[in-house]
Amino acid sequence: MKLSAVAAATGLVLSACTSADPDPQDVFFDTLLAHCGNSYAGAVTIGDEALDADWIAADIVIEVKECSDQRIRIPLHVGDDHSRTWIISRTENGLELKHDHRERDGSHDPMTMYGGETFSPGTPYSQSFPADEYSKQLFAELGATASIGNTWWVKFPDQNTLRYRLVRDDREFQVDVDLSQTVETPPAPWGWEDNYQYRD
C-alpha cells in the first residue's frame, strides 16, 4: 500500500469519530488495518538502560503482515531476533492483544500467547489490555510473578506514530513506531516459512 493511501485512510479513520461517533474499537482496529502490508521502524522511548539494553541498541521494525476483518498479526523484529508477533483480534467483548513468541525452529517459546482483553471501549486512538487469567497463570508457573500486574497499551498518539507501552508498578517500557515512512521488510518471523501455526 502506498504511503499516500495509508495517510489518507488513516486520516479519514481518525477523523470519523467527529462526524458519526462509530465504535471506538472499530475505528482503532481499522486504523491499524490501513497499514497492512507495510513495515515501519521503531525505537525505545521509555525503558530501563540495563534491562532494555538490547532493545535500545537494536534496529526495531514492525511488520503489519497478515490482516483480516477479525485479526491482525504484526511481527516485531528486534535486530536479528525475529521471535515475536503481536496479535490483535476482535472478540465478543472487545479487542484482544496476544504476544506470540517463537524459538528459532518455529516452535513455541514457553512464554507465549500472553496478553489480555480490553475492559472498556477505550478511544479511537488508545486501547489498554490488562493481563488476563491465562497470562497470570503462565507468569506464575514460569516464575515471572512481577508480570502478573502487566497492562499493555497500544496507541496512536498522532497520525504518524504507533505506540506500544507496557506498565506495571515497578516497570514502564515503551516503543514508538514511525508510521510516516515505510522501511525494508525484515526476514520472515521464526516459524513463518514452513507450515506456520498459531496457538489460538
N, C-alpha and C. Protein backbone atom coordinates (compact mmCIF):
# COMPACT_ATOMS: atom_id res chain seq x y z
N MET A 1 0.84 -1.19 0.00
CA MET A 1 0.00 0.00 0.00
C MET A 1 0.88 1.24 0.00
N LYS A 2 0.61 2.18 -0.87
CA LYS A 2 1.41 3.39 -0.94
C LYS A 2 1.17 4.26 0.29
N LEU A 3 2.22 5.02 0.64
CA LEU A 3 2.12 5.86 1.83
C LEU A 3 1.00 6.87 1.73
N SER A 4 0.79 7.43 0.53
CA SER A 4 -0.27 8.42 0.38
C SER A 4 -1.63 7.81 0.68
N ALA A 5 -1.80 6.55 0.25
CA ALA A 5 -3.07 5.87 0.52
C ALA A 5 -3.23 5.59 2.00
N VAL A 6 -2.13 5.17 2.64
CA VAL A 6 -2.18 4.90 4.07
C VAL A 6 -2.52 6.17 4.84
N ALA A 7 -1.86 7.28 4.48
CA ALA A 7 -2.10 8.54 5.18
C ALA A 7 -3.54 8.98 5.02
N ALA A 8 -4.05 8.84 3.80
CA ALA A 8 -5.43 9.25 3.56
C ALA A 8 -6.40 8.38 4.34
N ALA A 9 -6.16 7.06 4.32
CA ALA A 9 -7.05 6.15 5.05
C ALA A 9 -6.98 6.40 6.54
N THR A 10 -5.77 6.60 7.04
CA THR A 10 -5.62 6.85 8.48
C THR A 10 -6.28 8.16 8.88
N GLY A 11 -6.10 9.19 8.06
CA GLY A 11 -6.71 10.48 8.38
C GLY A 11 -8.21 10.40 8.39
N LEU A 12 -8.77 9.69 7.44
CA LEU A 12 -10.22 9.56 7.37
C LEU A 12 -10.74 8.79 8.57
N VAL A 13 -10.05 7.70 8.92
CA VAL A 13 -10.49 6.89 10.05
C VAL A 13 -10.40 7.65 11.36
N LEU A 14 -9.27 8.35 11.54
CA LEU A 14 -9.09 9.08 12.79
C LEU A 14 -10.06 10.24 12.94
N SER A 15 -10.51 10.81 11.82
CA SER A 15 -11.43 11.93 11.89
C SER A 15 -12.89 11.49 11.92
N ALA A 16 -13.13 10.19 11.68
CA ALA A 16 -14.51 9.72 11.57
C ALA A 16 -15.30 9.93 12.85
N CYS A 17 -14.60 9.82 14.00
CA CYS A 17 -15.32 9.90 15.28
C CYS A 17 -15.98 11.26 15.48
N THR A 18 -15.56 12.28 14.77
CA THR A 18 -16.13 13.60 14.98
C THR A 18 -17.46 13.76 14.26
N SER A 19 -17.73 12.86 13.29
CA SER A 19 -18.94 13.04 12.50
C SER A 19 -20.03 12.03 12.79
N ALA A 20 -19.67 10.79 13.11
CA ALA A 20 -20.69 9.76 13.24
C ALA A 20 -20.61 8.98 14.54
N ASP A 21 -19.64 9.26 15.38
CA ASP A 21 -19.45 8.54 16.63
C ASP A 21 -19.49 7.02 16.45
N PRO A 22 -18.64 6.45 15.60
CA PRO A 22 -18.60 4.99 15.47
C PRO A 22 -17.99 4.36 16.71
N ASP A 23 -18.07 3.06 16.79
CA ASP A 23 -17.46 2.34 17.90
C ASP A 23 -15.97 2.64 17.92
N PRO A 24 -15.43 3.11 19.06
CA PRO A 24 -14.01 3.48 19.10
C PRO A 24 -13.09 2.31 18.80
N GLN A 25 -13.50 1.11 19.17
CA GLN A 25 -12.64 -0.05 18.89
C GLN A 25 -12.63 -0.39 17.41
N ASP A 26 -13.75 -0.15 16.72
CA ASP A 26 -13.77 -0.34 15.27
C ASP A 26 -12.85 0.66 14.58
N VAL A 27 -12.88 1.90 15.04
CA VAL A 27 -12.02 2.94 14.46
C VAL A 27 -10.56 2.57 14.69
N PHE A 28 -10.23 2.16 15.91
CA PHE A 28 -8.87 1.79 16.25
C PHE A 28 -8.39 0.63 15.37
N PHE A 29 -9.19 -0.41 15.28
CA PHE A 29 -8.82 -1.59 14.51
C PHE A 29 -8.64 -1.24 13.04
N ASP A 30 -9.56 -0.44 12.48
CA ASP A 30 -9.48 -0.08 11.08
C ASP A 30 -8.28 0.83 10.79
N THR A 31 -7.91 1.65 11.76
CA THR A 31 -6.73 2.49 11.60
C THR A 31 -5.49 1.62 11.45
N LEU A 32 -5.38 0.59 12.29
CA LEU A 32 -4.26 -0.34 12.20
C LEU A 32 -4.33 -1.14 10.90
N LEU A 33 -5.53 -1.55 10.53
CA LEU A 33 -5.72 -2.34 9.32
C LEU A 33 -5.26 -1.59 8.07
N ALA A 34 -5.37 -0.28 8.09
CA ALA A 34 -4.98 0.52 6.93
C ALA A 34 -3.49 0.41 6.61
N HIS A 35 -2.70 -0.08 7.57
CA HIS A 35 -1.26 -0.19 7.37
C HIS A 35 -0.84 -1.59 6.94
N CYS A 36 -1.80 -2.46 6.65
CA CYS A 36 -1.47 -3.84 6.30
C CYS A 36 -0.56 -3.89 5.07
N GLY A 37 0.47 -4.72 5.16
CA GLY A 37 1.42 -4.87 4.08
C GLY A 37 2.64 -3.99 4.20
N ASN A 38 2.67 -3.12 5.18
CA ASN A 38 3.79 -2.19 5.36
C ASN A 38 4.66 -2.56 6.55
N SER A 39 5.91 -2.13 6.49
CA SER A 39 6.85 -2.27 7.60
C SER A 39 7.33 -0.88 8.01
N TYR A 40 7.55 -0.71 9.34
CA TYR A 40 7.94 0.59 9.87
C TYR A 40 9.00 0.43 10.95
N ALA A 41 9.84 1.44 11.08
CA ALA A 41 10.89 1.43 12.09
C ALA A 41 10.38 1.98 13.41
N GLY A 42 10.92 1.44 14.51
CA GLY A 42 10.56 1.92 15.84
C GLY A 42 11.79 2.10 16.70
N ALA A 43 11.57 2.64 17.88
CA ALA A 43 12.65 2.87 18.83
C ALA A 43 12.09 2.87 20.24
N VAL A 44 12.90 2.44 21.20
CA VAL A 44 12.52 2.51 22.61
C VAL A 44 12.54 3.96 23.04
N THR A 45 11.42 4.43 23.57
CA THR A 45 11.34 5.82 24.04
C THR A 45 11.24 5.91 25.56
N ILE A 46 10.85 4.82 26.21
CA ILE A 46 10.91 4.71 27.67
C ILE A 46 11.39 3.30 27.98
N GLY A 47 12.41 3.20 28.81
CA GLY A 47 12.93 1.89 29.16
C GLY A 47 13.99 1.98 30.23
N ASP A 48 14.44 0.82 30.67
CA ASP A 48 15.49 0.71 31.66
C ASP A 48 16.80 0.45 30.93
N GLU A 49 17.80 1.27 31.18
CA GLU A 49 19.06 1.17 30.44
C GLU A 49 19.72 -0.19 30.60
N ALA A 50 19.51 -0.85 31.72
CA ALA A 50 20.09 -2.17 31.94
C ALA A 50 19.19 -3.28 31.40
N LEU A 51 17.93 -3.27 31.81
CA LEU A 51 17.01 -4.33 31.40
C LEU A 51 16.74 -4.31 29.90
N ASP A 52 16.71 -3.14 29.32
CA ASP A 52 16.30 -3.00 27.92
C ASP A 52 17.46 -2.64 26.99
N ALA A 53 18.68 -2.94 27.43
CA ALA A 53 19.86 -2.54 26.66
C ALA A 53 19.83 -3.11 25.24
N ASP A 54 19.44 -4.38 25.10
CA ASP A 54 19.42 -5.00 23.77
C ASP A 54 18.41 -4.31 22.86
N TRP A 55 17.25 -3.98 23.40
CA TRP A 55 16.23 -3.28 22.62
C TRP A 55 16.70 -1.88 22.22
N ILE A 56 17.30 -1.18 23.15
CA ILE A 56 17.73 0.19 22.90
C ILE A 56 18.79 0.23 21.79
N ALA A 57 19.66 -0.79 21.78
CA ALA A 57 20.75 -0.82 20.80
C ALA A 57 20.33 -1.35 19.44
N ALA A 58 19.20 -2.06 19.38
CA ALA A 58 18.82 -2.77 18.16
C ALA A 58 18.00 -1.90 17.21
N ASP A 59 18.02 -2.31 15.93
CA ASP A 59 17.07 -1.77 14.96
C ASP A 59 15.74 -2.49 15.17
N ILE A 60 14.69 -1.73 15.45
CA ILE A 60 13.37 -2.31 15.70
C ILE A 60 12.48 -2.04 14.49
N VAL A 61 11.82 -3.09 14.00
CA VAL A 61 10.92 -2.96 12.86
C VAL A 61 9.65 -3.76 13.16
N ILE A 62 8.50 -3.15 12.93
CA ILE A 62 7.25 -3.90 12.96
C ILE A 62 6.79 -4.11 11.53
N GLU A 63 6.06 -5.20 11.34
CA GLU A 63 5.57 -5.57 10.01
C GLU A 63 4.09 -5.92 10.14
N VAL A 64 3.21 -5.11 9.57
CA VAL A 64 1.78 -5.42 9.61
C VAL A 64 1.54 -6.45 8.51
N LYS A 65 1.73 -7.71 8.87
CA LYS A 65 1.96 -8.76 7.87
C LYS A 65 0.70 -9.48 7.41
N GLU A 66 -0.19 -9.79 8.34
CA GLU A 66 -1.34 -10.64 7.99
C GLU A 66 -2.59 -10.04 8.59
N CYS A 67 -3.58 -9.73 7.76
CA CYS A 67 -4.74 -8.98 8.22
C CYS A 67 -6.04 -9.61 7.72
N SER A 68 -7.04 -9.55 8.57
CA SER A 68 -8.41 -9.89 8.19
C SER A 68 -9.33 -8.96 8.96
N ASP A 69 -10.63 -9.10 8.75
CA ASP A 69 -11.58 -8.26 9.48
C ASP A 69 -11.62 -8.59 10.97
N GLN A 70 -11.05 -9.74 11.34
CA GLN A 70 -11.11 -10.18 12.74
C GLN A 70 -9.76 -10.21 13.43
N ARG A 71 -8.66 -10.20 12.66
CA ARG A 71 -7.36 -10.40 13.29
C ARG A 71 -6.26 -9.73 12.48
N ILE A 72 -5.31 -9.12 13.20
CA ILE A 72 -4.13 -8.51 12.59
C ILE A 72 -2.91 -9.07 13.29
N ARG A 73 -1.98 -9.61 12.51
CA ARG A 73 -0.74 -10.17 13.06
C ARG A 73 0.42 -9.26 12.67
N ILE A 74 1.20 -8.86 13.67
CA ILE A 74 2.25 -7.87 13.48
C ILE A 74 3.57 -8.43 14.02
N PRO A 75 4.40 -9.04 13.17
CA PRO A 75 5.72 -9.44 13.63
C PRO A 75 6.53 -8.25 14.12
N LEU A 76 7.26 -8.48 15.19
CA LEU A 76 8.12 -7.45 15.80
C LEU A 76 9.55 -7.96 15.73
N HIS A 77 10.37 -7.26 14.97
CA HIS A 77 11.77 -7.66 14.77
C HIS A 77 12.67 -6.74 15.61
N VAL A 78 13.48 -7.34 16.46
CA VAL A 78 14.41 -6.58 17.30
C VAL A 78 15.81 -7.02 16.91
N GLY A 79 16.46 -6.25 16.03
CA GLY A 79 17.73 -6.68 15.48
C GLY A 79 17.57 -7.97 14.71
N ASP A 80 18.36 -8.99 15.06
CA ASP A 80 18.29 -10.29 14.40
C ASP A 80 17.33 -11.25 15.11
N ASP A 81 16.61 -10.74 16.08
CA ASP A 81 15.64 -11.56 16.81
C ASP A 81 14.28 -11.41 16.15
N HIS A 82 13.82 -12.51 15.53
CA HIS A 82 12.56 -12.49 14.80
C HIS A 82 11.53 -13.40 15.49
N SER A 83 11.56 -13.40 16.81
CA SER A 83 10.77 -14.36 17.59
C SER A 83 9.38 -13.90 17.95
N ARG A 84 9.08 -12.60 17.78
CA ARG A 84 7.87 -12.04 18.38
C ARG A 84 6.83 -11.64 17.32
N THR A 85 5.57 -11.90 17.65
CA THR A 85 4.45 -11.41 16.84
C THR A 85 3.36 -10.90 17.76
N TRP A 86 2.92 -9.66 17.54
CA TRP A 86 1.74 -9.16 18.24
C TRP A 86 0.51 -9.59 17.45
N ILE A 87 -0.52 -10.02 18.15
CA ILE A 87 -1.78 -10.42 17.51
C ILE A 87 -2.90 -9.61 18.15
N ILE A 88 -3.57 -8.81 17.35
CA ILE A 88 -4.72 -8.03 17.83
C ILE A 88 -5.96 -8.58 17.15
N SER A 89 -6.92 -9.03 17.97
CA SER A 89 -8.11 -9.71 17.46
C SER A 89 -9.37 -9.06 18.00
N ARG A 90 -10.41 -9.13 17.21
CA ARG A 90 -11.75 -8.78 17.70
C ARG A 90 -12.29 -9.97 18.49
N THR A 91 -12.97 -9.68 19.60
CA THR A 91 -13.63 -10.72 20.39
C THR A 91 -15.07 -10.31 20.63
N GLU A 92 -15.82 -11.17 21.29
CA GLU A 92 -17.20 -10.84 21.62
C GLU A 92 -17.28 -9.65 22.56
N ASN A 93 -16.22 -9.45 23.34
CA ASN A 93 -16.23 -8.40 24.36
C ASN A 93 -15.45 -7.16 23.99
N GLY A 94 -14.70 -7.20 22.90
CA GLY A 94 -13.91 -6.03 22.53
C GLY A 94 -12.73 -6.41 21.66
N LEU A 95 -11.54 -6.04 22.11
CA LEU A 95 -10.30 -6.36 21.40
C LEU A 95 -9.37 -7.13 22.34
N GLU A 96 -8.52 -7.96 21.74
CA GLU A 96 -7.57 -8.76 22.50
C GLU A 96 -6.18 -8.58 21.90
N LEU A 97 -5.18 -8.47 22.77
CA LEU A 97 -3.77 -8.43 22.37
C LEU A 97 -3.09 -9.67 22.92
N LYS A 98 -2.41 -10.41 22.03
CA LYS A 98 -1.60 -11.55 22.45
C LYS A 98 -0.19 -11.41 21.90
N HIS A 99 0.77 -11.98 22.63
CA HIS A 99 2.17 -11.98 22.23
C HIS A 99 2.57 -13.41 21.89
N ASP A 100 2.80 -13.68 20.62
CA ASP A 100 3.23 -15.00 20.17
C ASP A 100 4.76 -15.00 20.10
N HIS A 101 5.40 -15.81 20.94
CA HIS A 101 6.86 -15.89 20.97
C HIS A 101 7.31 -17.25 20.43
N ARG A 102 8.34 -17.24 19.58
CA ARG A 102 8.83 -18.45 18.93
C ARG A 102 10.31 -18.68 19.17
N GLU A 103 10.70 -19.96 19.13
CA GLU A 103 12.10 -20.33 19.06
C GLU A 103 12.55 -20.25 17.60
N ARG A 104 13.85 -20.37 17.37
CA ARG A 104 14.37 -20.26 16.02
C ARG A 104 13.81 -21.33 15.08
N ASP A 105 13.46 -22.51 15.64
CA ASP A 105 12.93 -23.59 14.80
C ASP A 105 11.43 -23.45 14.55
N GLY A 106 10.83 -22.35 15.05
CA GLY A 106 9.41 -22.11 14.85
C GLY A 106 8.51 -22.64 15.94
N SER A 107 9.07 -23.45 16.86
CA SER A 107 8.26 -23.96 17.96
C SER A 107 7.97 -22.84 18.96
N HIS A 108 6.94 -23.03 19.76
CA HIS A 108 6.58 -22.01 20.72
C HIS A 108 7.59 -21.91 21.86
N ASP A 109 7.94 -20.69 22.21
CA ASP A 109 8.67 -20.42 23.43
C ASP A 109 7.76 -20.76 24.61
N PRO A 110 8.30 -21.20 25.73
CA PRO A 110 7.44 -21.47 26.89
C PRO A 110 6.61 -20.25 27.30
N MET A 111 7.17 -19.07 27.15
CA MET A 111 6.45 -17.84 27.48
C MET A 111 5.82 -17.29 26.21
N THR A 112 4.60 -17.74 25.93
CA THR A 112 3.96 -17.32 24.69
C THR A 112 2.45 -17.18 24.86
N MET A 113 1.86 -16.45 23.96
CA MET A 113 0.42 -16.21 23.89
C MET A 113 -0.13 -15.54 25.15
N TYR A 114 0.71 -14.76 25.80
CA TYR A 114 0.23 -13.97 26.93
C TYR A 114 -0.30 -12.63 26.42
N GLY A 115 -1.11 -12.00 27.21
CA GLY A 115 -1.70 -10.73 26.82
C GLY A 115 -2.98 -10.49 27.59
N GLY A 116 -3.93 -9.82 26.97
CA GLY A 116 -5.17 -9.52 27.66
C GLY A 116 -6.22 -8.97 26.74
N GLU A 117 -7.39 -8.73 27.30
CA GLU A 117 -8.54 -8.24 26.56
C GLU A 117 -8.97 -6.89 27.12
N THR A 118 -9.48 -6.04 26.27
CA THR A 118 -9.94 -4.73 26.72
C THR A 118 -11.07 -4.88 27.74
N PHE A 119 -11.12 -3.97 28.71
CA PHE A 119 -12.19 -3.98 29.71
C PHE A 119 -13.12 -2.79 29.55
N SER A 120 -12.82 -1.91 28.59
CA SER A 120 -13.66 -0.75 28.31
C SER A 120 -13.55 -0.44 26.82
N PRO A 121 -14.43 0.39 26.28
CA PRO A 121 -14.36 0.72 24.86
C PRO A 121 -13.10 1.46 24.46
N GLY A 122 -12.42 2.08 25.42
CA GLY A 122 -11.24 2.86 25.08
C GLY A 122 -11.60 4.05 24.21
N THR A 123 -10.66 4.44 23.37
CA THR A 123 -10.89 5.56 22.44
C THR A 123 -10.45 5.12 21.05
N PRO A 124 -10.78 5.91 20.03
CA PRO A 124 -10.30 5.56 18.68
C PRO A 124 -8.79 5.55 18.56
N TYR A 125 -8.11 6.16 19.53
CA TYR A 125 -6.65 6.32 19.46
C TYR A 125 -5.91 5.49 20.49
N SER A 126 -6.60 4.86 21.43
CA SER A 126 -5.90 4.21 22.54
C SER A 126 -6.73 3.04 23.09
N GLN A 127 -6.07 1.88 23.24
CA GLN A 127 -6.70 0.70 23.82
C GLN A 127 -5.75 0.08 24.84
N SER A 128 -6.30 -0.37 25.96
CA SER A 128 -5.49 -0.98 27.01
C SER A 128 -5.88 -2.44 27.20
N PHE A 129 -4.88 -3.25 27.55
CA PHE A 129 -5.06 -4.69 27.63
C PHE A 129 -4.43 -5.21 28.93
N PRO A 130 -5.18 -5.27 30.02
CA PRO A 130 -4.64 -5.82 31.26
C PRO A 130 -4.45 -7.33 31.14
N ALA A 131 -3.45 -7.86 31.83
CA ALA A 131 -3.15 -9.29 31.75
C ALA A 131 -4.38 -10.13 32.10
N ASP A 132 -4.65 -11.12 31.27
CA ASP A 132 -5.80 -12.00 31.51
C ASP A 132 -5.40 -13.16 32.41
N GLU A 133 -6.37 -14.00 32.73
CA GLU A 133 -6.11 -15.07 33.70
C GLU A 133 -5.11 -16.09 33.15
N TYR A 134 -5.20 -16.39 31.86
CA TYR A 134 -4.21 -17.31 31.27
C TYR A 134 -2.80 -16.76 31.46
N SER A 135 -2.63 -15.47 31.21
CA SER A 135 -1.31 -14.86 31.31
C SER A 135 -0.82 -14.86 32.75
N LYS A 136 -1.69 -14.53 33.69
CA LYS A 136 -1.29 -14.51 35.09
C LYS A 136 -0.84 -15.90 35.55
N GLN A 137 -1.57 -16.93 35.11
CA GLN A 137 -1.19 -18.29 35.48
C GLN A 137 0.14 -18.67 34.84
N LEU A 138 0.33 -18.28 33.57
CA LEU A 138 1.58 -18.57 32.87
C LEU A 138 2.75 -17.88 33.55
N PHE A 139 2.59 -16.61 33.89
CA PHE A 139 3.65 -15.87 34.57
C PHE A 139 4.01 -16.53 35.90
N ALA A 140 2.99 -16.95 36.64
CA ALA A 140 3.23 -17.59 37.93
C ALA A 140 3.98 -18.91 37.76
N GLU A 141 3.57 -19.71 36.77
CA GLU A 141 4.20 -21.01 36.54
C GLU A 141 5.65 -20.87 36.11
N LEU A 142 5.98 -19.80 35.38
CA LEU A 142 7.33 -19.63 34.86
C LEU A 142 8.17 -18.69 35.72
N GLY A 143 7.67 -18.33 36.89
CA GLY A 143 8.45 -17.54 37.83
C GLY A 143 8.54 -16.06 37.50
N ALA A 144 7.64 -15.58 36.66
CA ALA A 144 7.64 -14.16 36.29
C ALA A 144 6.49 -13.46 37.00
N THR A 145 6.43 -13.60 38.32
CA THR A 145 5.27 -13.12 39.07
C THR A 145 5.10 -11.61 38.98
N ALA A 146 6.18 -10.86 38.78
CA ALA A 146 6.04 -9.41 38.67
C ALA A 146 5.18 -9.03 37.48
N SER A 147 5.15 -9.88 36.46
CA SER A 147 4.41 -9.57 35.24
C SER A 147 2.90 -9.76 35.39
N ILE A 148 2.48 -10.34 36.50
CA ILE A 148 1.04 -10.57 36.71
C ILE A 148 0.29 -9.25 36.68
N GLY A 149 0.93 -8.16 37.07
CA GLY A 149 0.28 -6.85 37.06
C GLY A 149 0.41 -6.09 35.76
N ASN A 150 0.86 -6.75 34.71
CA ASN A 150 1.07 -6.06 33.43
C ASN A 150 -0.22 -5.51 32.84
N THR A 151 -0.13 -4.32 32.29
CA THR A 151 -1.13 -3.80 31.36
C THR A 151 -0.38 -3.28 30.14
N TRP A 152 -0.86 -3.69 28.97
CA TRP A 152 -0.26 -3.23 27.72
C TRP A 152 -1.19 -2.21 27.08
N TRP A 153 -0.60 -1.18 26.52
CA TRP A 153 -1.34 -0.16 25.80
C TRP A 153 -0.86 -0.12 24.36
N VAL A 154 -1.79 0.01 23.44
CA VAL A 154 -1.45 0.27 22.05
C VAL A 154 -2.17 1.56 21.67
N LYS A 155 -1.41 2.53 21.16
CA LYS A 155 -1.97 3.86 20.96
C LYS A 155 -1.54 4.45 19.61
N PHE A 156 -2.32 5.41 19.15
CA PHE A 156 -1.94 6.30 18.07
C PHE A 156 -1.91 7.71 18.65
N PRO A 157 -0.78 8.12 19.25
CA PRO A 157 -0.73 9.46 19.85
C PRO A 157 -0.84 10.56 18.81
N ASP A 158 -0.48 10.25 17.56
CA ASP A 158 -0.71 11.16 16.44
C ASP A 158 -0.78 10.31 15.17
N GLN A 159 -1.05 10.94 14.05
CA GLN A 159 -1.28 10.22 12.81
C GLN A 159 -0.05 9.46 12.33
N ASN A 160 1.13 9.87 12.78
CA ASN A 160 2.37 9.27 12.29
C ASN A 160 3.06 8.37 13.30
N THR A 161 2.38 8.02 14.39
CA THR A 161 3.02 7.23 15.44
C THR A 161 2.11 6.12 15.94
N LEU A 162 2.67 4.92 16.05
CA LEU A 162 2.04 3.81 16.76
C LEU A 162 2.87 3.57 18.01
N ARG A 163 2.22 3.55 19.16
CA ARG A 163 2.92 3.40 20.43
C ARG A 163 2.50 2.11 21.12
N TYR A 164 3.50 1.32 21.50
CA TYR A 164 3.29 0.10 22.31
C TYR A 164 3.89 0.38 23.68
N ARG A 165 3.10 0.17 24.71
CA ARG A 165 3.55 0.53 26.06
C ARG A 165 3.17 -0.56 27.05
N LEU A 166 4.12 -0.94 27.88
CA LEU A 166 3.91 -1.86 28.99
C LEU A 166 4.07 -1.10 30.29
N VAL A 167 3.09 -1.25 31.19
CA VAL A 167 3.20 -0.61 32.50
C VAL A 167 2.77 -1.59 33.59
N ARG A 168 3.46 -1.48 34.73
CA ARG A 168 3.06 -2.13 35.98
C ARG A 168 3.73 -1.34 37.09
N ASP A 169 3.53 -1.75 38.34
CA ASP A 169 4.01 -0.94 39.46
C ASP A 169 5.51 -0.65 39.39
N ASP A 170 6.30 -1.64 38.97
CA ASP A 170 7.76 -1.49 39.01
C ASP A 170 8.39 -1.40 37.63
N ARG A 171 7.58 -1.17 36.59
CA ARG A 171 8.12 -1.28 35.24
C ARG A 171 7.35 -0.39 34.27
N GLU A 172 8.09 0.26 33.38
CA GLU A 172 7.48 1.02 32.30
C GLU A 172 8.38 0.87 31.08
N PHE A 173 7.78 0.48 29.98
CA PHE A 173 8.53 0.24 28.75
C PHE A 173 7.68 0.72 27.58
N GLN A 174 8.32 1.40 26.63
CA GLN A 174 7.55 1.99 25.54
C GLN A 174 8.37 1.98 24.25
N VAL A 175 7.72 1.59 23.18
CA VAL A 175 8.30 1.67 21.84
C VAL A 175 7.39 2.54 20.98
N ASP A 176 7.97 3.52 20.31
CA ASP A 176 7.24 4.35 19.36
C ASP A 176 7.65 3.95 17.95
N VAL A 177 6.67 3.74 17.10
CA VAL A 177 6.90 3.33 15.71
C VAL A 177 6.54 4.49 14.80
N ASP A 178 7.44 4.81 13.88
CA ASP A 178 7.25 5.92 12.94
C ASP A 178 6.45 5.44 11.73
N LEU A 179 5.20 5.88 11.64
CA LEU A 179 4.33 5.48 10.54
C LEU A 179 4.42 6.41 9.34
N SER A 180 5.29 7.40 9.40
CA SER A 180 5.34 8.39 8.33
C SER A 180 6.05 7.88 7.09
N GLN A 181 6.86 6.81 7.25
CA GLN A 181 7.55 6.25 6.09
C GLN A 181 7.79 4.77 6.28
N THR A 182 7.69 4.00 5.21
CA THR A 182 7.91 2.57 5.28
C THR A 182 9.40 2.28 5.23
N VAL A 183 9.76 1.08 5.68
CA VAL A 183 11.15 0.61 5.63
C VAL A 183 11.16 -0.77 4.99
N GLU A 184 12.36 -1.26 4.71
CA GLU A 184 12.50 -2.58 4.12
C GLU A 184 11.99 -3.64 5.08
N THR A 185 11.26 -4.60 4.56
CA THR A 185 10.71 -5.68 5.39
C THR A 185 11.81 -6.65 5.78
N PRO A 186 11.92 -6.99 7.06
CA PRO A 186 12.96 -7.94 7.52
C PRO A 186 12.65 -9.37 7.04
N PRO A 187 13.57 -10.30 7.34
CA PRO A 187 13.29 -11.71 7.04
C PRO A 187 12.03 -12.18 7.75
N ALA A 188 11.47 -13.26 7.25
CA ALA A 188 10.23 -13.79 7.83
C ALA A 188 10.42 -14.12 9.30
N PRO A 189 9.39 -13.91 10.12
CA PRO A 189 9.49 -14.27 11.54
C PRO A 189 9.78 -15.76 11.69
N TRP A 190 10.41 -16.11 12.77
CA TRP A 190 10.74 -17.51 13.02
C TRP A 190 9.47 -18.36 13.02
N GLY A 191 9.50 -19.45 12.26
CA GLY A 191 8.37 -20.36 12.18
C GLY A 191 7.39 -20.01 11.09
N TRP A 192 7.56 -18.84 10.44
CA TRP A 192 6.59 -18.42 9.44
C TRP A 192 6.79 -19.14 8.11
N GLU A 193 8.02 -19.55 7.82
CA GLU A 193 8.35 -20.03 6.50
C GLU A 193 7.71 -21.39 6.17
N ASP A 194 7.62 -22.28 7.15
CA ASP A 194 7.24 -23.66 6.87
C ASP A 194 6.08 -24.08 7.76
N ASN A 195 4.89 -24.16 7.18
CA ASN A 195 3.71 -24.67 7.90
C ASN A 195 3.51 -23.95 9.22
N TYR A 196 3.50 -22.62 9.15
CA TYR A 196 3.39 -21.81 10.36
C TYR A 196 2.02 -21.99 11.00
N GLN A 197 2.02 -22.30 12.26
CA GLN A 197 0.78 -22.50 13.00
C GLN A 197 0.78 -21.63 14.25
N TYR A 198 -0.33 -20.94 14.47
CA TYR A 198 -0.50 -20.13 15.69
C TYR A 198 -1.20 -20.95 16.75
N ARG A 199 -0.89 -20.64 17.98
CA ARG A 199 -1.63 -21.22 19.10
C ARG A 199 -2.73 -20.25 19.45
N ASP A 200 -3.93 -20.47 18.95
CA ASP A 200 -5.05 -19.55 19.15
C ASP A 200 -5.82 -19.90 20.42
